[in-house]
Amino acid sequence: MTSLDVVSLSRLQFGLTALYHFLFVPLTLGLSILLGVMESVYVMTGRAIWKEMTKFWGLLFGINFAMGVATGITMEFQFGMNWAYYSHYVGDIFGAPLAIEGLMAFFLEATFIGLFFFGWEKLSALQHLTVTWLVALGSNISALWILIANGWMQYPVGAQFNPATMRMEVTSFMEVMFNPVAQAKFVHTVSAGYVTGSMLVLSISAYYLLKGRHVEFAKRSMTVAASFGLASALSVVVLGDESGYTAGENQKMKIAAIEAMWETEPAPASFTLFGFPNLEKHTTEYEVKIPWVLGLIATRSLDKEVPGIKELVAHAEQRIKNGLIAYDALEKLRADPSSATEKARLDAAAADLGHALLLKKIRPDVRNATPEEIAKAAWSTVPAVSPLFWSFRVMVGLGFYFIALFAVAFVLASKRQLDRYRLFLWAALLSLPLPWIAAELGWIVAEVGRQPWVIEGVLPTFLAVSSLSAANVWTTLIGFVVFYSTLAVVDILLMVKTAKAGPGAPRTEPTVRLAAAE
């Protein structure tokens, strides 16, 4: 088997484990905030039903949290197992946010989640509420540091290549931390998580109302989910626009591929609502366009053009040629580290060194690359157009559907009519899997859109893998699939069993106001 097989298998393994892990992350983010809201109402009102709501939804949160931890740890092991050169090349930068996430966020979250479940009788109401919000804070801070690391892969700022160590090194940790791509990804991702948590509460509560069970419990839960879900769904769309703008500034090829936009779109750029990308002819057939929208998303203007795939490929070809200058200077500098001339040549063209590395997939002696090979390498910078085109449109369509569904739920909750329209309840119940589909599609757009780079413009994916045989990767891949499939069955059974059982028999004790001592 060739090294390409190892690359493909390593990508498949990481992709599957990441997609699986991301089934649990959004729900953790969303439910943690909802638990804080519900328990806050309990502390303010003293009404026992709100405590019961916090406990019940907290049980589902705990099942989901345990699965998220199990799958997340496996993902991090893969950086050293399947992506050793990646870890060596950028570990000084990428490892720092991951370490901070573990020390600052994960331990905070993991410590206080135990107090959440076992502290109801040990802590006062205010103390337990503090614990619940600390769990939510830990969950969101954890997502922040993970997305700082991922955002740096999309837009590598605050670092530079050191020819003495042949590695990327941090030059400004503040730039890494406040990376605009990372910040946009964070707010967009957590908002999507809030939608997921809201949908779980809305859907299961709709199931109870359809069955005529736990009616008051379900109505209150749906009211919270409708309010929080509507705000979150609106935020996803607004903050998604910010992600589109940062991509338009820093990842122009991703935007062009998402749009299947082969030619440069003149200002004001139109958004392709529908069409069929033709990869052979480099056209998009049967296009239906909305004027001006792409210009507003990608450039925040109506007077700037949006470059198409062909123009960006031509630009990549020039960057490859310039990168070859840096590559040649680096090779000569390694032979004579004292050469000031070669150091100056490398510094002048260092930003394009990664583009020259694309040629290593075609030939090992890249300095002898032919114009045809350079052109081929330039076209390799185009990601998979069709999957990006359709994933993005389905994701956006679902986003607007969530706004409509939560808006209807909010209106019905305001009128106290949540249990009057069975058609709406069925729509809410059947919509349960949709936020997960939208989240997975969003992950595909973000990560497939970055290819062929593992670090945008710096390190091609095919160079980042470990020196493993395909058989080794197959073994771990099959092991992960079997292990994760088993966990998935257990998780689904536990979640379904818990949801069907419901919050238990209605409480008979009277409402108790909190004592001043609490």
Protein backbone atom coordinates (compact mmCIF):
# COMPACT_ATOMS: atom_id res chain seq x y z
CA MET A 1 0.00 0.00 0.00
CA THR A 2 1.15 3.53 -0.69
CA SER A 3 1.54 6.43 1.70
CA LEU A 4 -1.59 7.95 0.17
CA ASP A 5 -3.57 5.00 1.54
CA VAL A 6 -2.23 5.79 4.99
CA VAL A 7 -3.21 9.43 4.59
CA SER A 8 -6.73 8.53 3.45
CA LEU A 9 -7.19 6.02 6.26
CA SER A 10 -5.85 8.45 8.86
CA ARG A 11 -8.19 11.15 7.61
CA LEU A 12 -11.11 8.72 7.62
CA GLN A 13 -10.36 7.63 11.17
CA PHE A 14 -10.02 11.16 12.50
CA GLY A 15 -13.07 12.29 10.55
CA LEU A 16 -15.25 9.50 11.94
CA THR A 17 -14.11 10.00 15.52
CA ALA A 18 -14.54 13.78 15.23
CA LEU A 19 -18.03 13.44 13.74
CA TYR A 20 -18.94 10.99 16.49
CA HIS A 21 -17.50 13.19 19.24
CA PHE A 22 -19.37 16.17 17.84
CA LEU A 23 -22.66 14.36 18.45
CA PHE A 24 -22.17 15.00 22.17
CA VAL A 25 -20.47 18.40 22.28
CA PRO A 26 -23.42 20.56 21.10
CA LEU A 27 -25.84 18.91 23.53
CA THR A 28 -23.39 19.40 26.42
CA LEU A 29 -23.14 23.10 25.59
CA GLY A 30 -26.88 23.60 25.23
CA LEU A 31 -28.15 21.56 28.16
CA SER A 32 -25.59 23.04 30.57
CA ILE A 33 -27.01 26.54 30.05
CA LEU A 34 -30.61 25.31 30.21
CA LEU A 35 -29.88 23.58 33.52
CA GLY A 36 -28.54 26.86 34.87
CA VAL A 37 -31.67 28.70 33.74
CA MET A 38 -34.05 26.13 35.23
CA GLU A 39 -32.24 25.96 38.57
CA SER A 40 -32.08 29.75 38.72
CA VAL A 41 -35.89 29.83 38.47
CA TYR A 42 -36.06 27.23 41.24
CA VAL A 43 -33.81 29.28 43.51
CA MET A 44 -35.81 32.46 42.83
CA THR A 45 -39.26 30.90 43.22
CA GLY A 46 -38.73 27.89 45.45
CA ARG A 47 -41.17 25.87 43.33
CA ALA A 48 -40.31 22.19 43.51
CA ILE A 49 -41.22 21.48 39.88
CA TRP A 50 -38.25 23.56 38.69
CA LYS A 51 -35.91 21.52 40.84
CA GLU A 52 -37.43 18.38 39.36
CA MET A 53 -36.87 19.78 35.87
CA THR A 54 -33.22 20.53 36.65
CA LYS A 55 -32.66 17.03 38.00
CA PHE A 56 -34.35 15.26 35.09
CA TRP A 57 -32.69 17.19 32.28
CA GLY A 58 -29.46 17.01 34.28
CA LEU A 59 -29.65 13.21 34.15
CA LEU A 60 -29.75 13.32 30.34
CA PHE A 61 -26.91 15.84 30.45
CA GLY A 62 -24.82 13.44 32.55
CA ILE A 63 -25.31 10.53 30.14
CA ASN A 64 -24.31 12.74 27.23
CA PHE A 65 -21.34 14.24 29.12
CA ALA A 66 -19.87 10.82 29.90
CA MET A 67 -20.00 9.86 26.24
CA GLY A 68 -18.43 13.14 25.19
CA VAL A 69 -15.48 12.63 27.53
CA ALA A 70 -14.89 9.08 26.30
CA THR A 71 -14.84 10.12 22.64
CA GLY A 72 -12.91 13.36 23.16
CA ILE A 73 -9.94 11.70 24.84
CA THR A 74 -9.61 9.28 21.92
CA MET A 75 -9.45 12.18 19.48
CA GLU A 76 -6.50 13.77 21.26
CA PHE A 77 -4.56 10.50 21.27
CA GLN A 78 -4.74 10.46 17.48
CA PHE A 79 -2.53 13.54 17.16
CA GLY A 80 0.41 11.54 18.40
CA MET A 81 -0.72 8.21 16.99
CA ASN A 82 -1.72 9.01 13.39
CA TRP A 83 -0.50 12.59 12.94
CA ALA A 84 2.99 12.54 14.44
CA TYR A 85 4.59 14.94 11.96
CA TYR A 86 1.75 17.39 12.46
CA SER A 87 2.35 17.22 16.23
CA HIS A 88 6.08 17.73 15.69
CA TYR A 89 5.70 20.58 13.20
CA VAL A 90 3.08 22.70 15.01
CA GLY A 91 2.87 21.10 18.46
CA ASP A 92 4.33 24.17 20.21
CA ILE A 93 1.34 26.20 19.04
CA PHE A 94 -1.48 23.70 18.73
CA GLY A 95 -0.65 21.93 22.00
CA ALA A 96 -0.93 25.05 24.17
CA PRO A 97 -4.71 25.62 23.79
CA LEU A 98 -5.35 21.90 24.25
CA ALA A 99 -3.31 21.86 27.46
CA ILE A 100 -5.07 24.96 28.79
CA GLU A 101 -8.43 23.38 27.90
CA GLY A 102 -7.57 20.32 29.96
CA LEU A 103 -6.18 22.23 32.95
CA MET A 104 -8.60 25.16 33.02
CA ALA A 105 -11.88 23.92 31.57
CA PHE A 106 -12.12 20.14 31.61
CA PHE A 107 -11.09 19.74 35.25
CA LEU A 108 -13.45 22.57 36.24
CA GLU A 109 -16.28 20.90 34.37
CA ALA A 110 -15.48 17.37 35.55
CA THR A 111 -15.07 18.40 39.19
CA PHE A 112 -18.30 20.34 39.50
CA ILE A 113 -20.42 17.86 37.56
CA GLY A 114 -19.91 15.45 40.46
CA LEU A 115 -21.12 18.11 42.89
CA PHE A 116 -24.10 18.75 40.61
CA PHE A 117 -25.32 15.16 40.89
CA PHE A 118 -24.37 14.38 44.49
CA GLY A 119 -24.63 17.78 46.12
CA TRP A 120 -28.38 18.33 46.18
CA GLU A 121 -28.66 17.32 49.85
CA LYS A 122 -25.18 18.51 50.84
CA LEU A 123 -25.20 22.06 49.51
CA SER A 124 -27.57 24.97 50.00
CA ALA A 125 -29.72 26.01 47.07
CA LEU A 126 -27.47 28.96 46.21
CA GLN A 127 -24.33 26.84 46.50
CA HIS A 128 -25.76 24.18 44.21
CA LEU A 129 -26.87 26.82 41.72
CA THR A 130 -23.29 28.12 41.68
CA VAL A 131 -22.07 24.60 40.95
CA THR A 132 -24.51 24.26 38.04
CA TRP A 133 -23.38 27.50 36.46
CA LEU A 134 -19.73 26.51 36.95
CA VAL A 135 -20.46 23.30 35.01
CA ALA A 136 -21.94 25.43 32.23
CA LEU A 137 -18.97 27.81 32.36
CA GLY A 138 -16.51 24.91 32.17
CA SER A 139 -18.32 23.42 29.18
CA ASN A 140 -18.21 26.68 27.26
CA ILE A 141 -14.61 27.51 28.18
CA SER A 142 -13.64 24.02 27.04
CA ALA A 143 -15.24 24.72 23.66
CA LEU A 144 -13.44 28.07 23.48
CA TRP A 145 -9.95 26.58 23.79
CA ILE A 146 -10.68 23.72 21.43
CA LEU A 147 -11.93 26.19 18.84
CA ILE A 148 -8.91 28.46 19.39
CA ALA A 149 -6.77 25.47 18.43
CA ASN A 150 -8.99 24.65 15.45
CA GLY A 151 -9.22 28.30 14.42
CA TRP A 152 -5.44 28.48 14.27
CA MET A 153 -5.48 25.55 11.83
CA GLN A 154 -7.85 27.58 9.66
CA TYR A 155 -5.97 30.88 9.99
CA PRO A 156 -2.43 30.42 11.42
CA VAL A 157 -1.53 33.74 13.02
CA GLY A 158 0.93 34.53 15.79
CA ALA A 159 3.51 31.97 14.60
CA GLN A 160 6.39 31.63 12.18
CA PHE A 161 8.63 28.94 10.75
CA ASN A 162 12.03 28.51 12.39
CA PRO A 163 14.56 27.07 9.90
CA ALA A 164 16.90 26.10 12.74
CA THR A 165 14.35 23.71 14.30
CA MET A 166 12.29 23.04 11.14
CA ARG A 167 9.14 23.73 13.14
CA MET A 168 6.49 26.40 13.55
CA GLU A 169 6.89 28.41 16.76
CA VAL A 170 4.72 30.91 18.62
CA THR A 171 5.56 34.57 18.14
CA SER A 172 2.45 36.03 19.80
CA PHE A 173 0.17 33.92 21.96
CA MET A 174 -2.28 36.83 22.15
CA GLU A 175 -2.72 36.67 18.38
CA VAL A 176 -3.34 32.94 18.62
CA MET A 177 -5.87 33.43 21.41
CA PHE A 178 -7.72 36.32 19.79
CA ASN A 179 -7.63 34.87 16.28
CA PRO A 180 -10.72 36.33 14.54
CA VAL A 181 -11.51 33.02 12.88
CA ALA A 182 -11.43 31.22 16.23
CA GLN A 183 -13.63 33.80 17.90
CA ALA A 184 -16.19 33.66 15.08
CA LYS A 185 -16.18 29.86 15.17
CA PHE A 186 -16.64 29.84 18.94
CA VAL A 187 -19.75 32.02 19.10
CA HIS A 188 -21.27 30.27 16.08
CA THR A 189 -20.57 26.79 17.47
CA VAL A 190 -21.85 27.43 20.98
CA SER A 191 -25.01 29.01 19.57
CA ALA A 192 -25.56 25.86 17.52
CA GLY A 193 -25.08 23.87 20.72
CA TYR A 194 -27.71 25.96 22.46
CA VAL A 195 -30.13 25.17 19.62
CA THR A 196 -29.35 21.46 20.04
CA GLY A 197 -30.02 21.51 23.78
CA SER A 198 -33.22 23.48 23.26
CA MET A 199 -34.43 21.05 20.62
CA LEU A 200 -33.86 18.05 22.89
CA VAL A 201 -35.95 19.64 25.64
CA LEU A 202 -38.61 20.80 23.16
CA SER A 203 -38.90 17.42 21.43
CA ILE A 204 -39.05 15.24 24.54
CA SER A 205 -41.52 17.63 26.15
CA ALA A 206 -43.65 17.45 22.99
CA TYR A 207 -43.60 13.66 23.35
CA TYR A 208 -44.97 13.95 26.89
CA LEU A 209 -47.75 16.28 25.77
CA LEU A 210 -48.68 13.93 22.93
CA LYS A 211 -48.91 11.12 25.49
CA GLY A 212 -50.71 13.29 28.04
CA ARG A 213 -47.96 12.66 30.63
CA HIS A 214 -46.12 15.08 32.89
CA VAL A 215 -48.14 17.91 31.37
CA GLU A 216 -47.11 20.76 33.68
CA PHE A 217 -43.51 19.60 33.64
CA ALA A 218 -43.54 19.47 29.85
CA LYS A 219 -45.19 22.87 29.40
CA ARG A 220 -42.64 24.61 31.58
CA SER A 221 -39.76 22.80 29.90
CA MET A 222 -41.07 23.72 26.46
CA THR A 223 -41.47 27.35 27.47
CA VAL A 224 -37.81 27.56 28.51
CA ALA A 225 -36.70 25.68 25.39
CA ALA A 226 -38.81 27.86 23.08
CA SER A 227 -37.44 31.12 24.49
CA PHE A 228 -33.81 30.05 24.65
CA GLY A 229 -34.04 28.14 21.38
CA LEU A 230 -35.46 31.09 19.44
CA ALA A 231 -32.74 33.42 20.71
CA SER A 232 -30.09 30.81 19.93
CA ALA A 233 -31.42 30.02 16.44
CA LEU A 234 -31.40 33.71 15.56
CA SER A 235 -27.87 33.98 16.95
CA VAL A 236 -26.67 31.06 14.81
CA VAL A 237 -27.73 32.86 11.64
CA VAL A 238 -26.26 36.21 12.70
CA LEU A 239 -23.01 34.72 13.97
CA GLY A 240 -22.81 32.42 10.97
CA ASP A 241 -22.65 35.58 8.89
CA GLU A 242 -19.58 36.60 10.90
CA SER A 243 -17.98 33.22 10.15
CA GLY A 244 -18.72 33.78 6.47
CA TYR A 245 -17.05 37.16 6.60
CA THR A 246 -13.88 35.85 8.29
CA ALA A 247 -13.72 33.03 5.74
CA GLY A 248 -14.20 35.58 2.95
CA GLU A 249 -11.23 37.50 4.32
CA ASN A 250 -8.89 34.60 5.12
CA GLN A 251 -10.12 31.46 3.29
CA LYS A 252 -11.26 32.66 -0.09
CA MET A 253 -10.97 29.22 -1.70
CA LYS A 254 -13.37 27.78 0.88
CA ILE A 255 -15.97 30.45 0.01
CA ALA A 256 -15.53 29.85 -3.71
CA ALA A 257 -15.93 26.09 -3.25
CA ILE A 258 -19.01 26.48 -1.03
CA GLU A 259 -20.53 28.61 -3.78
CA ALA A 260 -19.27 26.35 -6.60
CA MET A 261 -18.15 29.67 -8.03
CA TRP A 262 -15.69 28.94 -10.82
CA GLU A 263 -15.46 32.45 -12.21
CA THR A 264 -14.92 35.62 -10.19
CA GLU A 265 -18.25 37.13 -9.15
CA PRO A 266 -18.32 40.87 -9.89
CA ALA A 267 -19.70 43.32 -7.35
CA PRO A 268 -22.31 43.22 -5.97
CA ALA A 269 -21.72 39.46 -5.72
CA SER A 270 -24.76 37.17 -5.90
CA PHE A 271 -25.41 34.14 -3.69
CA THR A 272 -26.22 30.86 -5.45
CA LEU A 273 -29.37 29.53 -3.81
CA PHE A 274 -29.50 26.40 -5.94
CA GLY A 275 -27.57 24.73 -8.72
CA PHE A 276 -25.70 21.62 -9.83
CA PRO A 277 -21.88 21.89 -9.80
CA ASN A 278 -20.30 20.31 -12.89
CA LEU A 279 -16.80 19.37 -11.85
CA GLU A 280 -15.69 18.33 -15.34
CA LYS A 281 -16.79 21.49 -17.12
CA HIS A 282 -15.99 23.79 -14.18
CA THR A 283 -19.44 25.33 -14.26
CA THR A 284 -22.55 25.30 -12.07
CA GLU A 285 -25.67 24.43 -14.05
CA TYR A 286 -29.24 25.62 -13.46
CA GLU A 287 -28.16 28.30 -11.03
CA VAL A 288 -30.73 30.26 -9.04
CA LYS A 289 -29.06 33.36 -7.60
CA ILE A 290 -29.99 35.97 -5.01
CA PRO A 291 -28.44 39.35 -5.89
CA TRP A 292 -26.00 41.07 -3.51
CA VAL A 293 -26.15 38.47 -0.71
CA LEU A 294 -22.70 36.91 -1.22
CA GLY A 295 -21.10 40.34 -1.34
CA LEU A 296 -22.67 41.22 1.98
CA ILE A 297 -21.61 37.91 3.57
CA ALA A 298 -18.08 37.60 2.21
CA THR A 299 -16.97 41.25 1.95
CA ARG A 300 -19.54 43.27 3.94
CA SER A 301 -19.87 45.49 0.92
CA LEU A 302 -21.61 45.92 -2.42
CA ASP A 303 -18.57 47.21 -4.31
CA LYS A 304 -16.06 44.34 -3.92
CA GLU A 305 -15.81 41.33 -6.17
CA VAL A 306 -15.53 37.80 -4.79
CA PRO A 307 -12.76 35.76 -6.47
CA GLY A 308 -13.73 32.50 -8.13
CA ILE A 309 -11.98 29.14 -8.13
CA LYS A 310 -10.10 29.68 -11.39
CA GLU A 311 -8.66 33.01 -10.26
CA LEU A 312 -7.67 31.54 -6.90
CA VAL A 313 -5.98 28.58 -8.59
CA ALA A 314 -3.94 31.00 -10.70
CA HIS A 315 -3.00 32.83 -7.50
CA ALA A 316 -2.01 29.51 -5.87
CA GLU A 317 0.23 28.77 -8.86
CA GLN A 318 2.11 32.01 -8.27
CA ARG A 319 2.43 31.20 -4.57
CA ILE A 320 3.86 27.77 -5.42
CA LYS A 321 6.48 29.38 -7.65
CA ASN A 322 7.37 31.86 -4.92
CA GLY A 323 7.37 29.02 -2.38
CA LEU A 324 9.96 27.19 -4.47
CA ILE A 325 12.29 30.13 -3.88
CA ALA A 326 11.79 29.68 -0.12
CA TYR A 327 12.27 25.91 -0.42
CA ASP A 328 15.51 26.32 -2.37
CA ALA A 329 16.79 28.89 0.13
CA LEU A 330 15.90 26.58 3.02
CA GLU A 331 17.79 23.66 1.51
CA LYS A 332 20.88 25.83 0.96
CA LEU A 333 20.54 27.33 4.43
CA ARG A 334 20.50 23.87 5.98
CA ALA A 335 23.78 23.16 4.18
CA ASP A 336 25.27 26.51 5.24
CA PRO A 337 23.39 27.98 8.26
CA SER A 338 25.59 31.09 8.26
CA SER A 339 24.52 32.25 4.78
CA ALA A 340 22.93 35.69 5.17
CA THR A 341 21.92 35.72 1.50
CA GLU A 342 19.88 32.52 1.78
CA LYS A 343 18.40 33.68 5.08
CA ALA A 344 17.18 36.83 3.37
CA ARG A 345 15.76 34.84 0.43
CA LEU A 346 13.93 32.54 2.83
CA ASP A 347 12.50 35.41 4.87
CA ALA A 348 11.22 37.13 1.74
CA ALA A 349 9.33 34.08 0.48
CA ALA A 350 8.64 32.17 3.73
CA ALA A 351 4.89 32.89 3.63
CA ASP A 352 4.61 30.69 0.53
CA LEU A 353 6.81 27.80 1.67
CA GLY A 354 3.77 25.66 2.43
CA HIS A 355 2.53 26.00 -1.14
CA ALA A 356 5.79 24.60 -2.46
CA LEU A 357 5.28 21.57 -0.20
CA LEU A 358 2.14 20.71 -2.21
CA LEU A 359 4.49 19.51 -4.95
CA LYS A 360 5.82 16.72 -2.72
CA LYS A 361 2.66 14.78 -3.47
CA ILE A 362 3.70 14.84 -7.13
CA ARG A 363 7.48 14.49 -6.96
CA PRO A 364 10.08 14.37 -4.15
CA ASP A 365 12.58 16.76 -5.78
CA VAL A 366 10.20 19.72 -5.87
CA ARG A 367 12.83 22.18 -7.10
CA ASN A 368 12.76 20.40 -10.47
CA ALA A 369 8.98 20.62 -10.85
CA THR A 370 7.70 21.31 -14.36
CA PRO A 371 5.10 23.99 -15.17
CA GLU A 372 2.54 21.22 -15.67
CA GLU A 373 3.26 19.82 -12.22
CA ILE A 374 3.03 23.26 -10.67
CA ALA A 375 -0.36 23.75 -12.34
CA LYS A 376 -1.51 20.36 -11.05
CA ALA A 377 -0.42 21.27 -7.52
CA ALA A 378 -2.29 24.57 -7.81
CA TRP A 379 -5.53 22.76 -8.71
CA SER A 380 -5.06 20.51 -5.67
CA THR A 381 -5.89 23.55 -3.53
CA VAL A 382 -9.54 23.22 -4.60
CA PRO A 383 -11.49 21.26 -1.95
CA ALA A 384 -14.38 18.88 -2.69
CA VAL A 385 -16.85 21.28 -4.29
CA SER A 386 -20.07 19.25 -4.40
CA PRO A 387 -20.04 18.07 -0.74
CA LEU A 388 -19.34 21.63 0.39
CA PHE A 389 -21.99 23.14 -1.88
CA TRP A 390 -24.78 20.86 -0.67
CA SER A 391 -23.70 20.59 2.97
CA PHE A 392 -23.75 24.35 3.33
CA ARG A 393 -27.18 24.73 1.78
CA VAL A 394 -28.80 22.00 3.82
CA MET A 395 -27.22 23.45 6.97
CA VAL A 396 -28.50 26.96 6.22
CA GLY A 397 -31.96 25.64 5.33
CA LEU A 398 -32.15 23.82 8.66
CA GLY A 399 -31.05 26.98 10.44
CA PHE A 400 -34.00 28.93 9.09
CA TYR A 401 -36.32 26.01 9.89
CA PHE A 402 -35.18 26.13 13.52
CA ILE A 403 -36.03 29.83 13.70
CA ALA A 404 -39.54 29.11 12.40
CA LEU A 405 -40.12 26.15 14.72
CA PHE A 406 -38.94 27.94 17.86
CA ALA A 407 -40.87 31.07 16.89
CA VAL A 408 -44.09 29.03 16.70
CA ALA A 409 -43.25 27.39 20.03
CA PHE A 410 -42.58 30.79 21.59
CA VAL A 411 -45.92 32.19 20.41
CA LEU A 412 -47.81 29.14 21.64
CA ALA A 413 -46.01 29.27 24.97
CA SER A 414 -46.87 32.95 25.33
CA LYS A 415 -50.56 32.11 24.73
CA ARG A 416 -50.38 29.00 26.96
CA GLN A 417 -51.50 26.85 24.03
CA LEU A 418 -48.57 24.44 23.74
CA ASP A 419 -50.79 21.37 24.14
CA ARG A 420 -53.55 22.44 21.75
CA TYR A 421 -51.95 21.76 18.37
CA ARG A 422 -50.90 18.16 17.88
CA LEU A 423 -49.47 18.92 14.43
CA PHE A 424 -46.96 21.29 16.04
CA LEU A 425 -46.13 18.74 18.74
CA TRP A 426 -45.45 16.10 16.10
CA ALA A 427 -43.27 18.58 14.17
CA ALA A 428 -41.32 19.33 17.35
CA LEU A 429 -40.87 15.63 18.13
CA LEU A 430 -39.78 14.64 14.62
CA SER A 431 -37.34 17.59 14.49
CA LEU A 432 -35.22 16.07 17.27
CA PRO A 433 -32.33 14.80 15.05
CA LEU A 434 -32.14 17.88 12.85
CA PRO A 435 -29.77 20.03 14.97
CA TRP A 436 -27.26 17.18 15.01
CA ILE A 437 -27.49 16.90 11.23
CA ALA A 438 -26.93 20.65 10.90
CA ALA A 439 -23.97 20.54 13.31
CA GLU A 440 -22.29 17.66 11.50
CA LEU A 441 -22.78 19.41 8.16
CA GLY A 442 -21.24 22.54 9.64
CA TRP A 443 -18.22 20.53 10.73
CA ILE A 444 -17.92 19.12 7.20
CA VAL A 445 -18.06 22.63 5.72
CA ALA A 446 -15.37 23.88 8.10
CA GLU A 447 -12.97 20.95 7.78
CA VAL A 448 -13.45 19.68 4.24
CA GLY A 449 -13.36 23.30 3.09
CA ARG A 450 -9.84 23.60 4.52
CA GLN A 451 -8.39 20.78 2.42
CA PRO A 452 -5.76 20.10 1.13
CA TRP A 453 -4.32 21.83 4.19
CA VAL A 454 -4.08 20.53 7.72
CA ILE A 455 -2.74 24.01 8.55
CA GLU A 456 -4.07 26.52 6.02
CA GLY A 457 -1.29 27.55 3.66
CA VAL A 458 1.41 26.06 5.92
CA LEU A 459 1.31 22.25 6.00
CA PRO A 460 -0.45 19.99 3.47
CA THR A 461 -2.50 17.18 5.00
CA PHE A 462 -0.63 14.40 3.21
CA LEU A 463 2.66 15.42 4.89
CA ALA A 464 1.24 15.46 8.42
CA VAL A 465 0.72 11.73 9.00
CA SER A 466 2.75 9.31 11.09
CA SER A 467 5.08 6.70 9.60
CA LEU A 468 2.59 3.87 9.95
CA SER A 469 1.55 1.04 7.71
CA ALA A 470 -1.96 0.97 6.29
CA ALA A 471 -2.54 -2.25 8.24
CA ASN A 472 -1.83 -0.42 11.52
CA VAL A 473 -4.34 2.29 10.71
CA TRP A 474 -6.91 -0.26 9.55
CA THR A 475 -6.58 -2.06 12.89
CA THR A 476 -7.22 1.04 14.98
CA LEU A 477 -9.91 2.27 12.59
CA ILE A 478 -11.87 -0.97 12.89
CA GLY A 479 -11.32 -0.98 16.65
CA PHE A 480 -12.69 2.55 16.98
CA VAL A 481 -15.71 1.80 14.78
CA VAL A 482 -16.61 -1.27 16.85
CA PHE A 483 -15.98 0.49 20.16
CA TYR A 484 -17.85 3.65 19.22
CA SER A 485 -20.75 1.72 17.70
CA THR A 486 -21.12 -0.16 20.98
CA LEU A 487 -21.03 3.08 22.93
CA ALA A 488 -23.58 4.61 20.56
CA VAL A 489 -26.03 1.76 21.15
CA VAL A 490 -25.58 2.05 24.93
CA ASP A 491 -25.97 5.83 24.83
CA ILE A 492 -29.12 5.73 22.71
CA LEU A 493 -30.68 3.04 24.89
CA LEU A 494 -29.92 4.99 28.06
CA MET A 495 -31.22 8.27 26.64
CA VAL A 496 -34.40 6.69 25.27
CA LYS A 497 -35.05 4.73 28.45
CA THR A 498 -34.56 7.83 30.60
CA ALA A 499 -36.72 10.00 28.35
CA LYS A 500 -39.54 7.45 28.23
CA ALA A 501 -39.50 7.01 31.99
CA GLY A 502 -39.86 10.75 32.45
CA PRO A 503 -39.26 12.79 35.58
CA GLY A 504 -41.17 10.37 37.83
CA ALA A 505 -44.43 10.72 39.65
CA PRO A 506 -45.69 14.28 40.28
CA ARG A 507 -44.55 15.69 43.58
CA THR A 508 -47.20 15.96 46.30
CA GLU A 509 -45.42 18.24 48.72
CA PRO A 510 -46.48 21.88 48.76
CA THR A 511 -44.36 24.64 47.29
CA VAL A 512 -41.65 25.64 49.73
CA ARG A 513 -40.04 29.05 49.67
CA LEU A 514 -36.31 29.10 50.29
CA ALA A 515 -35.26 29.82 53.82
CA ALA A 516 -33.13 32.86 54.37
CA ALA A 517 -30.33 30.62 55.60
CA GLU A 518 -30.07 29.10 52.14
